[in-house]
N, C-alpha and C. Protein backbone atom coordinates (compact mmCIF):
# COMPACT_ATOMS: atom_id res chain seq x y z
N MET A 1 -148.86 -164.68 -18.15
CA MET A 1 -149.55 -164.84 -16.97
C MET A 1 -149.60 -163.72 -16.04
N LEU A 2 -150.68 -163.24 -15.63
CA LEU A 2 -150.95 -161.73 -15.17
C LEU A 2 -150.03 -162.20 -13.60
N VAL A 3 -149.78 -160.89 -13.17
CA VAL A 3 -149.12 -160.93 -11.74
C VAL A 3 -150.23 -161.51 -10.73
N GLU A 4 -151.59 -161.03 -10.80
CA GLU A 4 -152.34 -161.62 -10.04
C GLU A 4 -152.70 -163.08 -10.09
N ASP A 5 -152.49 -163.79 -11.27
CA ASP A 5 -152.58 -165.42 -11.26
C ASP A 5 -151.40 -165.75 -10.64
N ARG A 6 -150.20 -165.13 -10.43
CA ARG A 6 -149.04 -165.73 -10.18
C ARG A 6 -149.39 -165.59 -8.46
N GLU A 7 -149.81 -164.46 -8.14
CA GLU A 7 -149.97 -164.36 -6.67
C GLU A 7 -151.13 -165.35 -6.03
N HIS A 8 -152.05 -165.70 -6.92
CA HIS A 8 -153.18 -166.96 -6.45
C HIS A 8 -152.46 -167.98 -6.13
N HIS A 9 -151.74 -168.48 -7.56
CA HIS A 9 -150.68 -169.59 -7.27
C HIS A 9 -150.01 -169.66 -6.14
N ILE A 10 -149.35 -168.70 -5.65
CA ILE A 10 -148.50 -168.72 -4.48
C ILE A 10 -149.26 -168.98 -3.16
N PHE A 11 -150.29 -168.48 -3.31
CA PHE A 11 -151.26 -168.51 -2.15
C PHE A 11 -151.88 -169.85 -2.10
N LYS A 12 -151.81 -170.49 -3.01
CA LYS A 12 -152.61 -171.68 -3.19
C LYS A 12 -151.62 -172.82 -2.88
N LEU A 13 -150.19 -172.55 -3.32
CA LEU A 13 -149.23 -173.21 -2.92
C LEU A 13 -149.13 -173.30 -1.24
N LEU A 14 -149.18 -172.16 -0.56
CA LEU A 14 -149.04 -172.07 0.69
C LEU A 14 -150.07 -172.90 1.46
N PHE A 15 -151.27 -172.53 1.05
CA PHE A 15 -152.50 -173.42 1.74
C PHE A 15 -152.25 -174.94 1.20
N ILE A 16 -151.85 -175.49 0.41
CA ILE A 16 -151.40 -176.73 0.22
C ILE A 16 -150.36 -177.32 1.09
N ILE A 17 -149.35 -176.41 1.51
CA ILE A 17 -148.32 -176.96 2.39
C ILE A 17 -149.05 -176.91 3.79
N LEU A 18 -149.96 -175.88 4.13
CA LEU A 18 -150.75 -175.69 5.36
C LEU A 18 -151.60 -177.03 5.53
N PHE A 19 -152.35 -177.14 4.53
CA PHE A 19 -153.28 -178.29 4.79
C PHE A 19 -152.73 -179.66 4.56
N TRP A 20 -151.37 -179.74 3.77
CA TRP A 20 -150.79 -181.15 4.20
C TRP A 20 -150.28 -181.49 5.50
N VAL A 21 -149.89 -180.44 6.22
CA VAL A 21 -149.48 -180.64 7.52
C VAL A 21 -150.73 -180.79 8.32
N PHE A 22 -151.92 -180.25 8.14
CA PHE A 22 -153.28 -180.69 8.77
C PHE A 22 -153.58 -182.05 8.71
N PHE A 23 -153.43 -182.48 7.47
CA PHE A 23 -153.73 -183.72 7.07
C PHE A 23 -152.85 -184.79 7.85
N ARG A 24 -151.36 -184.65 7.91
CA ARG A 24 -150.46 -185.08 8.85
C ARG A 24 -151.15 -185.42 10.00
N VAL A 25 -151.08 -184.33 10.73
CA VAL A 25 -151.63 -184.41 12.27
C VAL A 25 -153.11 -185.17 12.46
N ALA A 26 -153.73 -184.74 11.67
CA ALA A 26 -155.33 -185.69 11.62
C ALA A 26 -155.00 -187.00 11.55
N THR A 27 -153.94 -187.59 10.62
CA THR A 27 -153.73 -188.86 10.35
C THR A 27 -153.15 -189.56 11.97
N VAL A 28 -152.39 -188.55 12.54
CA VAL A 28 -151.76 -189.09 13.91
C VAL A 28 -152.88 -189.22 14.96
N VAL A 29 -153.81 -188.33 14.62
CA VAL A 29 -155.02 -188.28 15.70
C VAL A 29 -155.77 -189.29 15.34
N MET A 30 -156.07 -189.83 14.05
CA MET A 30 -156.92 -190.81 13.95
C MET A 30 -156.30 -192.15 14.22
N VAL A 31 -154.95 -192.14 14.48
CA VAL A 31 -154.25 -193.59 14.91
C VAL A 31 -154.45 -193.51 16.47
N ILE A 32 -154.10 -192.46 17.00
CA ILE A 32 -154.63 -192.45 18.49
C ILE A 32 -155.91 -192.64 18.88
N ILE A 33 -157.12 -192.45 18.13
CA ILE A 33 -158.17 -192.39 18.21
C ILE A 33 -158.55 -194.18 18.02
N SER A 34 -157.95 -194.61 17.15
CA SER A 34 -158.13 -196.13 16.93
C SER A 34 -157.76 -196.77 17.83
N LEU A 35 -156.37 -196.64 18.62
CA LEU A 35 -156.17 -197.16 19.63
C LEU A 35 -156.96 -196.87 20.97
N ILE A 36 -157.51 -196.01 21.30
CA ILE A 36 -158.34 -195.70 22.27
C ILE A 36 -159.51 -196.37 22.14
N GLN A 37 -160.28 -196.64 20.90
CA GLN A 37 -161.44 -197.43 20.60
C GLN A 37 -161.06 -198.80 20.88
N TRP A 38 -160.14 -199.43 20.39
CA TRP A 38 -159.81 -200.65 20.73
C TRP A 38 -159.51 -200.82 21.79
N GLY A 39 -159.01 -200.20 22.94
CA GLY A 39 -158.76 -200.47 24.22
C GLY A 39 -160.26 -200.11 24.95
N SER A 40 -161.01 -199.14 24.46
CA SER A 40 -162.40 -199.42 25.03
C SER A 40 -163.20 -200.45 24.52
N LEU A 41 -163.20 -200.96 23.37
CA LEU A 41 -163.69 -202.08 23.03
C LEU A 41 -163.19 -203.39 23.76
N TRP A 42 -161.91 -203.48 24.26
CA TRP A 42 -161.22 -204.49 24.78
C TRP A 42 -162.03 -204.71 26.19
N PHE A 43 -161.88 -203.49 26.93
CA PHE A 43 -162.31 -203.49 28.27
C PHE A 43 -163.81 -203.25 28.77
N GLN A 44 -164.54 -202.48 28.01
CA GLN A 44 -165.85 -202.37 27.93
C GLN A 44 -166.79 -202.78 26.91
N ASP A 45 -166.28 -203.43 25.71
CA ASP A 45 -166.97 -204.30 24.90
C ASP A 45 -167.90 -203.38 24.10
N GLU A 46 -167.46 -202.12 23.95
CA GLU A 46 -168.06 -201.32 23.17
C GLU A 46 -167.39 -199.81 23.13
N PRO A 47 -167.39 -199.37 21.57
CA PRO A 47 -166.40 -198.01 21.53
C PRO A 47 -167.20 -196.88 22.23
N ARG A 48 -166.26 -195.94 22.46
CA ARG A 48 -166.69 -194.48 22.96
C ARG A 48 -167.71 -193.91 21.97
N GLU A 49 -168.71 -193.51 22.29
CA GLU A 49 -169.86 -192.59 21.53
C GLU A 49 -169.25 -190.99 21.00
N SER A 50 -168.58 -190.65 22.14
CA SER A 50 -167.94 -189.23 21.79
C SER A 50 -166.88 -189.29 20.75
N LEU A 51 -166.14 -190.39 20.71
CA LEU A 51 -164.89 -190.75 19.81
C LEU A 51 -165.69 -191.10 18.42
N LEU A 52 -166.43 -191.77 18.49
CA LEU A 52 -167.18 -192.07 17.31
C LEU A 52 -167.68 -191.06 16.37
N LYS A 53 -168.37 -189.98 17.02
CA LYS A 53 -168.87 -188.80 16.38
C LYS A 53 -167.32 -187.80 15.95
N PHE A 54 -166.39 -187.87 16.91
CA PHE A 54 -165.17 -186.81 16.62
C PHE A 54 -164.52 -187.80 15.23
N SER A 55 -164.54 -189.08 15.42
CA SER A 55 -163.56 -189.48 14.10
C SER A 55 -164.58 -189.39 13.09
N SER A 56 -165.87 -189.40 12.92
CA SER A 56 -166.80 -189.26 11.71
C SER A 56 -166.40 -187.94 11.22
N GLN A 57 -166.38 -186.98 12.19
CA GLN A 57 -166.02 -185.46 11.66
C GLN A 57 -164.47 -185.37 11.35
N LEU A 58 -163.52 -185.95 11.85
CA LEU A 58 -162.31 -185.98 11.61
C LEU A 58 -162.22 -186.80 10.09
N THR A 59 -162.79 -187.77 9.80
CA THR A 59 -162.77 -188.24 8.17
C THR A 59 -163.48 -187.33 7.31
N LEU A 60 -164.22 -186.52 7.61
CA LEU A 60 -164.87 -185.85 6.71
C LEU A 60 -163.77 -184.39 6.57
N PHE A 61 -163.28 -184.07 7.68
CA PHE A 61 -162.09 -183.08 7.30
C PHE A 61 -160.92 -183.52 6.65
N GLN A 62 -160.58 -184.88 6.75
CA GLN A 62 -159.39 -185.33 6.16
C GLN A 62 -159.90 -185.55 4.49
N ALA A 63 -161.26 -185.79 4.24
CA ALA A 63 -161.73 -186.05 2.90
C ALA A 63 -161.86 -184.28 2.18
N GLN A 64 -162.31 -183.36 3.03
CA GLN A 64 -162.13 -182.08 2.51
C GLN A 64 -161.03 -181.70 2.08
N ILE A 65 -159.51 -181.92 3.10
CA ILE A 65 -158.29 -181.68 2.80
C ILE A 65 -157.78 -182.58 1.29
N THR A 66 -158.45 -183.68 1.36
CA THR A 66 -157.86 -184.24 0.18
C THR A 66 -158.30 -183.54 -1.21
N LYS A 67 -159.78 -183.29 -1.03
CA LYS A 67 -160.38 -182.48 -2.22
C LYS A 67 -159.61 -181.22 -2.72
N TYR A 68 -159.06 -180.60 -1.65
CA TYR A 68 -158.49 -179.44 -1.93
C TYR A 68 -156.83 -179.47 -2.39
N LEU A 69 -156.29 -180.69 -1.98
CA LEU A 69 -154.90 -180.73 -2.32
C LEU A 69 -154.73 -181.47 -3.66
N THR A 70 -155.72 -181.99 -4.27
CA THR A 70 -156.13 -182.54 -5.53
C THR A 70 -156.84 -181.95 -6.35
N PHE A 71 -156.99 -180.61 -6.09
CA PHE A 71 -157.39 -179.56 -7.06
C PHE A 71 -158.76 -179.95 -7.49
N GLN A 72 -159.51 -180.63 -6.73
CA GLN A 72 -160.90 -181.03 -6.79
C GLN A 72 -161.81 -180.18 -6.25
N SER A 73 -161.43 -179.28 -5.42
CA SER A 73 -162.38 -178.03 -4.64
C SER A 73 -161.45 -177.02 -4.44
N ASP A 74 -162.07 -175.95 -4.34
CA ASP A 74 -161.13 -174.71 -3.96
C ASP A 74 -161.43 -174.22 -2.64
N GLU A 75 -162.40 -174.73 -2.18
CA GLU A 75 -162.92 -174.35 -0.69
C GLU A 75 -161.97 -174.76 0.23
N LYS A 76 -161.45 -173.45 1.10
CA LYS A 76 -160.48 -173.97 2.24
C LYS A 76 -161.42 -174.67 3.44
N VAL A 77 -160.52 -175.33 4.10
CA VAL A 77 -161.17 -176.29 5.06
C VAL A 77 -160.90 -175.34 6.60
N PHE A 78 -161.27 -176.09 7.43
CA PHE A 78 -161.18 -175.51 8.99
C PHE A 78 -159.72 -175.38 9.29
N PRO A 79 -159.23 -174.25 9.63
CA PRO A 79 -159.89 -173.08 10.47
C PRO A 79 -160.55 -172.05 9.66
N PHE A 80 -160.34 -172.28 8.49
CA PHE A 80 -160.90 -170.84 7.12
C PHE A 80 -162.43 -171.17 7.07
N ALA A 81 -162.70 -172.36 7.28
CA ALA A 81 -164.15 -172.80 7.29
C ALA A 81 -164.81 -173.49 8.34
N ASP A 82 -166.13 -173.58 8.39
CA ASP A 82 -166.73 -174.35 9.59
C ASP A 82 -166.00 -175.81 9.79
N TRP A 83 -166.22 -176.36 10.89
CA TRP A 83 -165.77 -177.54 11.11
C TRP A 83 -166.83 -178.74 10.72
N PRO A 84 -166.36 -179.75 10.01
CA PRO A 84 -167.40 -180.45 9.60
C PRO A 84 -168.24 -181.09 10.51
N ASP A 85 -169.57 -181.29 10.24
CA ASP A 85 -170.62 -182.08 11.20
C ASP A 85 -171.18 -183.34 10.59
N ALA A 86 -170.79 -184.23 11.28
CA ALA A 86 -171.08 -185.69 10.91
C ALA A 86 -171.71 -186.23 11.65
N PRO A 87 -172.75 -186.92 11.67
CA PRO A 87 -173.82 -187.72 12.65
C PRO A 87 -173.43 -188.80 12.32
N ILE A 88 -173.38 -189.65 13.53
CA ILE A 88 -172.90 -191.09 13.57
C ILE A 88 -174.16 -191.74 12.87
N LYS A 89 -173.79 -192.33 11.99
CA LYS A 89 -174.55 -193.45 11.47
C LYS A 89 -174.07 -195.07 11.62
N PRO A 90 -174.93 -195.58 12.26
CA PRO A 90 -174.64 -196.79 12.46
C PRO A 90 -174.63 -198.01 10.98
N GLU A 91 -173.85 -198.49 10.53
CA GLU A 91 -173.55 -199.27 9.52
C GLU A 91 -174.37 -200.37 9.67
N ALA A 92 -175.12 -200.79 8.39
CA ALA A 92 -175.82 -202.14 8.40
C ALA A 92 -174.91 -203.14 8.44
N PRO A 93 -175.21 -204.35 9.34
CA PRO A 93 -174.14 -205.56 9.10
C PRO A 93 -173.87 -206.19 7.83
N VAL A 94 -172.78 -206.17 7.59
CA VAL A 94 -172.32 -206.79 6.20
C VAL A 94 -172.63 -208.23 6.13
N GLU A 95 -173.13 -208.91 5.18
CA GLU A 95 -173.40 -210.46 5.13
C GLU A 95 -172.51 -210.64 3.96
N VAL A 96 -171.90 -212.03 4.37
CA VAL A 96 -170.90 -212.48 3.53
C VAL A 96 -171.65 -213.86 2.85
N ALA A 97 -171.49 -214.08 1.84
CA ALA A 97 -172.12 -215.17 1.33
C ALA A 97 -170.92 -216.08 1.16
N VAL A 98 -171.19 -217.35 1.73
CA VAL A 98 -170.29 -218.52 1.77
C VAL A 98 -170.98 -219.39 0.81
N PRO A 99 -170.07 -219.83 -0.18
CA PRO A 99 -170.57 -220.90 -1.15
C PRO A 99 -170.64 -222.04 -0.63
N ASP A 100 -171.83 -222.79 -0.89
CA ASP A 100 -172.02 -224.15 -0.26
C ASP A 100 -171.23 -225.13 -0.86
N GLU A 101 -170.62 -225.97 -0.34
CA GLU A 101 -169.64 -227.16 -0.74
C GLU A 101 -170.37 -227.56 -2.29
N ALA A 102 -171.62 -227.91 -2.34
CA ALA A 102 -172.32 -228.62 -3.34
C ALA A 102 -172.45 -227.82 -4.41
N GLU A 103 -172.27 -226.51 -4.11
CA GLU A 103 -172.36 -225.63 -5.52
C GLU A 103 -170.96 -225.44 -6.27
N GLU A 104 -171.12 -225.10 -7.66
CA GLU A 104 -170.19 -224.97 -8.11
C GLU A 104 -169.21 -223.99 -8.18
N GLN A 105 -167.73 -224.09 -8.22
CA GLN A 105 -167.11 -222.75 -7.62
C GLN A 105 -166.64 -222.36 -8.99
N PRO A 106 -166.52 -220.87 -9.27
CA PRO A 106 -166.11 -220.45 -10.55
C PRO A 106 -164.84 -220.91 -11.03
N GLY A 107 -164.73 -221.32 -12.29
CA GLY A 107 -163.52 -221.62 -12.97
C GLY A 107 -163.24 -223.24 -12.75
N GLU A 108 -164.25 -223.96 -12.20
CA GLU A 108 -164.23 -225.49 -12.02
C GLU A 108 -165.10 -226.04 -12.98
N LYS A 109 -164.49 -227.38 -13.61
CA LYS A 109 -165.57 -228.02 -14.45
C LYS A 109 -166.53 -228.47 -13.35
N PRO A 110 -167.51 -228.70 -14.12
CA PRO A 110 -169.02 -229.40 -13.54
C PRO A 110 -168.40 -230.68 -13.27
N ASP A 111 -168.70 -231.25 -12.13
CA ASP A 111 -168.71 -233.00 -11.79
C ASP A 111 -169.64 -233.47 -12.75
N THR A 112 -169.57 -234.12 -13.53
CA THR A 112 -170.35 -235.12 -14.57
C THR A 112 -170.34 -236.75 -13.98
N GLU A 113 -169.23 -236.79 -13.29
CA GLU A 113 -169.05 -238.46 -12.97
C GLU A 113 -169.79 -238.94 -11.65
N LYS A 114 -170.81 -239.51 -11.48
CA LYS A 114 -171.65 -239.91 -10.17
C LYS A 114 -171.70 -241.39 -10.39
């Protein structure tokens, strides 16, 4: 192994440690945002728009860190790159299918006696 490769690996380890600390801080910030958003929802019936945008960006930041830490990417994250920009995308409502009582449930034998 060349000396240059060893130096690269040492710098990679230092960035891994630094980005792991960033990830832990971002997780704490995400918990605080969650609590603030819950309070806003409780008292104002809607979350704060500015925190929605920031939490979307923070989520992308955490994903970038995770990719770096798991060797899926060699791109360094903020502050060594630009802060991720995430537009707020309203999620479509989730439809939950509730089986009708008359319908057959999986794993049940059909009722042939009537």
